[in-house]
PDB file of N, CA and C in Angstrom:
ATOM      1  N   MET A   1      15.105   7.212  -0.367  1.00  0.00           N
ATOM      2  CA  MET A   1      14.454   6.063   0.233  1.00  0.00           C
ATOM      3  C   MET A   1      13.065   6.429   0.765  1.00  0.00           C
ATOM      4  N   LEU A   2      12.931   7.636   1.292  1.00  0.00           N
ATOM      5  CA  LEU A   2      11.653   8.075   1.841  1.00  0.00           C
ATOM      6  C   LEU A   2      10.567   8.099   0.773  1.00  0.00           C
ATOM      7  N   GLU A   3      10.883   8.582  -0.401  1.00  0.00           N
ATOM      8  CA  GLU A   3       9.886   8.628  -1.483  1.00  0.00           C
ATOM      9  C   GLU A   3       9.477   7.220  -1.909  1.00  0.00           C
ATOM     10  N   TYR A   4      10.416   6.312  -1.909  1.00  0.00           N
ATOM     11  CA  TYR A   4      10.122   4.913  -2.247  1.00  0.00           C
ATOM     12  C   TYR A   4       9.145   4.316  -1.221  1.00  0.00           C
ATOM     13  N   VAL A   5       9.399   4.578   0.055  1.00  0.00           N
ATOM     14  CA  VAL A   5       8.537   4.079   1.126  1.00  0.00           C
ATOM     15  C   VAL A   5       7.130   4.645   0.973  1.00  0.00           C
ATOM     16  N   LYS A   6       7.023   5.921   0.660  1.00  0.00           N
ATOM     17  CA  LYS A   6       5.711   6.541   0.463  1.00  0.00           C
ATOM     18  C   LYS A   6       4.955   5.854  -0.674  1.00  0.00           C
ATOM     19  N   THR A   7       5.652   5.557  -1.742  1.00  0.00           N
ATOM     20  CA  THR A   7       5.042   4.880  -2.886  1.00  0.00           C
ATOM     21  C   THR A   7       4.510   3.507  -2.476  1.00  0.00           C
ATOM     22  N   ILE A   8       5.309   2.774  -1.737  1.00  0.00           N
ATOM     23  CA  ILE A   8       4.897   1.442  -1.278  1.00  0.00           C
ATOM     24  C   ILE A   8       3.659   1.547  -0.385  1.00  0.00           C
ATOM     25  N   LEU A   9       3.685   2.476   0.554  1.00  0.00           N
ATOM     26  CA  LEU A   9       2.550   2.607   1.472  1.00  0.00           C
ATOM     27  C   LEU A   9       1.271   2.987   0.737  1.00  0.00           C
ATOM     28  N   LYS A  10       1.383   3.840  -0.259  1.00  0.00           N
ATOM     29  CA  LYS A  10       0.198   4.195  -1.053  1.00  0.00           C
ATOM     30  C   LYS A  10      -0.358   2.964  -1.763  1.00  0.00           C
ATOM     31  N   LYS A  11       0.545   2.121  -2.277  1.00  0.00           N
ATOM     32  CA  LYS A  11       0.114   0.952  -3.038  1.00  0.00           C
ATOM     33  C   LYS A  11      -0.513  -0.127  -2.170  1.00  0.00           C
ATOM     34  N   VAL A  12      -0.100  -0.224  -0.912  1.00  0.00           N
ATOM     35  CA  VAL A  12      -0.634  -1.277  -0.045  1.00  0.00           C
ATOM     36  C   VAL A  12      -1.717  -0.760   0.904  1.00  0.00           C
ATOM     37  N   SER A  13      -2.127   0.470   0.739  1.00  0.00           N
ATOM     38  CA  SER A  13      -3.070   1.072   1.686  1.00  0.00           C
ATOM     39  C   SER A  13      -4.469   0.458   1.623  1.00  0.00           C
ATOM     40  N   PHE A  14      -4.714  -0.409   0.678  1.00  0.00           N
ATOM     41  CA  PHE A  14      -6.016  -1.076   0.575  1.00  0.00           C
ATOM     42  C   PHE A  14      -6.177  -2.181   1.626  1.00  0.00           C
ATOM     43  N   ASP A  15      -5.067  -2.626   2.230  1.00  0.00           N
ATOM     44  CA  ASP A  15      -5.092  -3.751   3.163  1.00  0.00           C
ATOM     45  C   ASP A  15      -4.448  -3.345   4.493  1.00  0.00           C
ATOM     46  N   ARG A  16      -5.194  -3.419   5.575  1.00  0.00           N
ATOM     47  CA  ARG A  16      -4.706  -2.974   6.897  1.00  0.00           C
ATOM     48  C   ARG A  16      -3.438  -3.710   7.344  1.00  0.00           C
ATOM     49  N   LYS A  17      -3.447  -5.036   7.241  1.00  0.00           N
ATOM     50  CA  LYS A  17      -2.307  -5.821   7.721  1.00  0.00           C
ATOM     51  C   LYS A  17      -1.055  -5.564   6.889  1.00  0.00           C
ATOM     52  N   LEU A  18      -1.226  -5.496   5.594  1.00  0.00           N
ATOM     53  CA  LEU A  18      -0.096  -5.233   4.713  1.00  0.00           C
ATOM     54  C   LEU A  18       0.448  -3.824   4.943  1.00  0.00           C
ATOM     55  N   PHE A  19      -0.451  -2.867   5.136  1.00  0.00           N
ATOM     56  CA  PHE A  19      -0.035  -1.493   5.406  1.00  0.00           C
ATOM     57  C   PHE A  19       0.800  -1.439   6.684  1.00  0.00           C
ATOM     58  N   GLU A  20       0.324  -2.095   7.733  1.00  0.00           N
ATOM     59  CA  GLU A  20       1.060  -2.080   8.996  1.00  0.00           C
ATOM     60  C   GLU A  20       2.419  -2.759   8.863  1.00  0.00           C
ATOM     61  N   LYS A  21       2.460  -3.871   8.161  1.00  0.00           N
ATOM     62  CA  LYS A  21       3.722  -4.595   7.949  1.00  0.00           C
ATOM     63  C   LYS A  21       4.734  -3.715   7.219  1.00  0.00           C
ATOM     64  N   GLU A  22       4.296  -3.078   6.144  1.00  0.00           N
ATOM     65  CA  GLU A  22       5.203  -2.232   5.367  1.00  0.00           C
ATOM     66  C   GLU A  22       5.618  -0.980   6.143  1.00  0.00           C
ATOM     67  N   LEU A  23       4.713  -0.450   6.948  1.00  0.00           N
ATOM     68  CA  LEU A  23       5.050   0.715   7.756  1.00  0.00           C
ATOM     69  C   LEU A  23       6.116   0.365   8.780  1.00  0.00           C
ATOM     70  N   LYS A  24       5.985  -0.780   9.421  1.00  0.00           N
ATOM     71  CA  LYS A  24       6.999  -1.219  10.389  1.00  0.00           C
ATOM     72  C   LYS A  24       8.357  -1.408   9.724  1.00  0.00           C
ATOM     73  N   LYS A  25       8.370  -2.006   8.542  1.00  0.00           N
ATOM     74  CA  LYS A  25       9.624  -2.180   7.799  1.00  0.00           C
ATOM     75  C   LYS A  25      10.229  -0.825   7.456  1.00  0.00           C
ATOM     76  N   ALA A  26       9.386   0.109   7.051  1.00  0.00           N
ATOM     77  CA  ALA A  26       9.868   1.443   6.675  1.00  0.00           C
ATOM     78  C   ALA A  26      10.495   2.145   7.874  1.00  0.00           C
ATOM     79  N   ILE A  27       9.835   2.091   9.008  1.00  0.00           N
ATOM     80  CA  ILE A  27      10.354   2.746  10.210  1.00  0.00           C
ATOM     81  C   ILE A  27      11.710   2.167  10.596  1.00  0.00           C
ATOM     82  N   ALA A  28      11.848   0.866  10.459  1.00  0.00           N
ATOM     83  CA  ALA A  28      13.110   0.202  10.804  1.00  0.00           C
ATOM     84  C   ALA A  28      14.239   0.548   9.834  1.00  0.00           C
ATOM     85  N   SER A  29      13.894   0.852   8.587  1.00  0.00           N
ATOM     86  CA  SER A  29      14.944   1.050   7.586  1.00  0.00           C
ATOM     87  C   SER A  29      15.351   2.505   7.380  1.00  0.00           C
ATOM     88  N   LEU A  30      14.553   3.445   7.860  1.00  0.00           N
ATOM     89  CA  LEU A  30      14.846   4.861   7.643  1.00  0.00           C
ATOM     90  C   LEU A  30      15.631   5.452   8.809  1.00  0.00           C
ATOM     91  N   ILE A  31      16.337   6.539   8.523  1.00  0.00           N
ATOM     92  CA  ILE A  31      17.027   7.257   9.600  1.00  0.00           C
ATOM     93  C   ILE A  31      16.015   8.134  10.340  1.00  0.00           C
ATOM     94  N   ALA A  32      16.376   8.581  11.529  1.00  0.00           N
ATOM     95  CA  ALA A  32      15.447   9.276  12.434  1.00  0.00           C
ATOM     96  C   ALA A  32      14.763  10.478  11.773  1.00  0.00           C
ATOM     97  N   ARG A  33      15.516  11.279  11.047  1.00  0.00           N
ATOM     98  CA  ARG A  33      14.948  12.472  10.405  1.00  0.00           C
ATOM     99  C   ARG A  33      13.887  12.072   9.378  1.00  0.00           C
ATOM    100  N   GLU A  34      14.164  11.025   8.630  1.00  0.00           N
ATOM    101  CA  GLU A  34      13.209  10.551   7.626  1.00  0.00           C
ATOM    102  C   GLU A  34      11.971   9.941   8.285  1.00  0.00           C
ATOM    103  N   VAL A  35      12.155   9.289   9.417  1.00  0.00           N
ATOM    104  CA  VAL A  35      11.018   8.704  10.129  1.00  0.00           C
ATOM    105  C   VAL A  35      10.070   9.808  10.578  1.00  0.00           C
ATOM    106  N   GLN A  36      10.605  10.924  11.043  1.00  0.00           N
ATOM    107  CA  GLN A  36       9.756  12.035  11.466  1.00  0.00           C
ATOM    108  C   GLN A  36       8.973  12.620  10.288  1.00  0.00           C
ATOM    109  N   LYS A  37       9.633  12.723   9.141  1.00  0.00           N
ATOM    110  CA  LYS A  37       8.948  13.199   7.936  1.00  0.00           C
ATOM    111  C   LYS A  37       7.870  12.204   7.503  1.00  0.00           C
ATOM    112  N   LEU A  38       8.189  10.918   7.580  1.00  0.00           N
ATOM    113  CA  LEU A  38       7.224   9.874   7.234  1.00  0.00           C
ATOM    114  C   LEU A  38       6.021   9.918   8.176  1.00  0.00           C
ATOM    115  N   LYS A  39       6.289  10.114   9.443  1.00  0.00           N
ATOM    116  CA  LYS A  39       5.213  10.184  10.437  1.00  0.00           C
ATOM    117  C   LYS A  39       4.241  11.307  10.101  1.00  0.00           C
ATOM    118  N   ALA A  40       4.761  12.494   9.829  1.00  0.00           N
ATOM    119  CA  ALA A  40       3.901  13.637   9.491  1.00  0.00           C
ATOM    120  C   ALA A  40       3.105  13.354   8.226  1.00  0.00           C
ATOM    121  N   TRP A  41       3.756  12.786   7.230  1.00  0.00           N
ATOM    122  CA  TRP A  41       3.083  12.474   5.957  1.00  0.00           C
ATOM    123  C   TRP A  41       1.994  11.423   6.162  1.00  0.00           C
ATOM    124  N   CYS A  42       2.295  10.382   6.928  1.00  0.00           N
ATOM    125  CA  CYS A  42       1.329   9.307   7.164  1.00  0.00           C
ATOM    126  C   CYS A  42       0.086   9.820   7.876  1.00  0.00           C
ATOM    127  N   TYR A  43       0.284  10.666   8.875  1.00  0.00           N
ATOM    128  CA  TYR A  43      -0.879  11.186   9.593  1.00  0.00           C
ATOM    129  C   TYR A  43      -1.723  12.082   8.697  1.00  0.00           C
ATOM    130  N   ARG A  44      -1.081  12.836   7.807  1.00  0.00           N
ATOM    131  CA  ARG A  44      -1.834  13.662   6.851  1.00  0.00           C
ATOM    132  C   ARG A  44      -2.586  12.797   5.857  1.00  0.00           C
ATOM    133  N   LYS A  45      -1.917  11.801   5.324  1.00  0.00           N
ATOM    134  CA  LYS A  45      -2.460  10.997   4.236  1.00  0.00           C
ATOM    135  C   LYS A  45      -3.412   9.889   4.719  1.00  0.00           C
ATOM    136  N   PHE A  46      -3.061   9.228   5.818  1.00  0.00           N
ATOM    137  CA  PHE A  46      -3.802   8.044   6.247  1.00  0.00           C
ATOM    138  C   PHE A  46      -4.383   8.144   7.655  1.00  0.00           C
ATOM    139  N   GLY A  47      -4.262   9.269   8.297  1.00  0.00           N
ATOM    140  CA  GLY A  47      -4.696   9.432   9.682  1.00  0.00           C
ATOM    141  C   GLY A  47      -6.153   9.093   9.922  1.00  0.00           C
ATOM    142  N   GLN A  48      -7.012   9.460   8.988  1.00  0.00           N
ATOM    143  CA  GLN A  48      -8.443   9.194   9.144  1.00  0.00           C
ATOM    144  C   GLN A  48      -8.749   7.698   9.101  1.00  0.00           C
ATOM    145  N   VAL A  49      -8.066   6.990   8.253  1.00  0.00           N
ATOM    146  CA  VAL A  49      -8.368   5.567   8.032  1.00  0.00           C
ATOM    147  C   VAL A  49      -7.574   4.656   8.965  1.00  0.00           C
ATOM    148  N   TYR A  50      -6.290   4.932   9.120  1.00  0.00           N
ATOM    149  CA  TYR A  50      -5.394   4.046   9.860  1.00  0.00           C
ATOM    150  C   TYR A  50      -4.786   4.703  11.093  1.00  0.00           C
ATOM    151  N   GLY A  51      -5.520   5.587  11.734  1.00  0.00           N
ATOM    152  CA  GLY A  51      -5.001   6.293  12.912  1.00  0.00           C
ATOM    153  C   GLY A  51      -4.485   5.367  13.991  1.00  0.00           C
ATOM    154  N   SER A  52      -5.218   4.292  14.270  1.00  0.00           N
ATOM    155  CA  SER A  52      -4.792   3.375  15.335  1.00  0.00           C
ATOM    156  C   SER A  52      -3.502   2.644  14.970  1.00  0.00           C
ATOM    157  N   ILE A  53      -3.361   2.276  13.719  1.00  0.00           N
ATOM    158  CA  ILE A  53      -2.130   1.624  13.257  1.00  0.00           C
ATOM    159  C   ILE A  53      -0.962   2.599  13.353  1.00  0.00           C
ATOM    160  N   LEU A  54      -1.177   3.823  12.921  1.00  0.00           N
ATOM    161  CA  LEU A  54      -0.116   4.835  12.977  1.00  0.00           C
ATOM    162  C   LEU A  54       0.309   5.081  14.423  1.00  0.00           C
ATOM    163  N   ASN A  55      -0.661   5.204  15.316  1.00  0.00           N
ATOM    164  CA  ASN A  55      -0.332   5.419  16.729  1.00  0.00           C
ATOM    165  C   ASN A  55       0.500   4.276  17.274  1.00  0.00           C
ATOM    166  N   ARG A  56       0.129   3.061  16.939  1.00  0.00           N
ATOM    167  CA  ARG A  56       0.842   1.877  17.416  1.00  0.00           C
ATOM    168  C   ARG A  56       2.263   1.812  16.844  1.00  0.00           C
ATOM    169  N   CYS A  57       2.395   2.042  15.556  1.00  0.00           N
ATOM    170  CA  CYS A  57       3.710   1.909  14.913  1.00  0.00           C
ATOM    171  C   CYS A  57       4.658   3.043  15.288  1.00  0.00           C
ATOM    172  N   PHE A  58       4.134   4.244  15.433  1.00  0.00           N
ATOM    173  CA  PHE A  58       5.001   5.385  15.748  1.00  0.00           C
ATOM    174  C   PHE A  58       5.170   5.611  17.246  1.00  0.00           C
ATOM    175  N   ALA A  59       4.532   4.809  18.079  1.00  0.00           N
ATOM    176  CA  ALA A  59       4.628   4.980  19.534  1.00  0.00           C
ATOM    177  C   ALA A  59       6.062   4.786  20.035  1.00  0.00           C
ATOM    178  N   THR A  60       6.794   3.920  19.382  1.00  0.00           N
ATOM    179  CA  THR A  60       8.164   3.614  19.844  1.00  0.00           C
ATOM    180  C   THR A  60       9.210   4.507  19.202  1.00  0.00           C
ATOM    181  N   VAL A  61       8.779   5.413  18.344  1.00  0.00           N
ATOM    182  CA  VAL A  61       9.742   6.267  17.634  1.00  0.00           C
ATOM    183  C   VAL A  61      10.020   7.508  18.452  1.00  0.00           C
TER     184      VAL A  61
END
């Protein structure tokens, strides 16, 4: 499931609102261990562009 979520996030990364929506859905659907892996991957891949969105979405994790 984690790899599927990564694929989706890469595909929607052109749009801020869509990226945030899909990230929130991903966080809700993954287990805790996968969320931590997703968090690390997201900050590596999208941290420069969507840092504020990542901080907001992962703040409750």
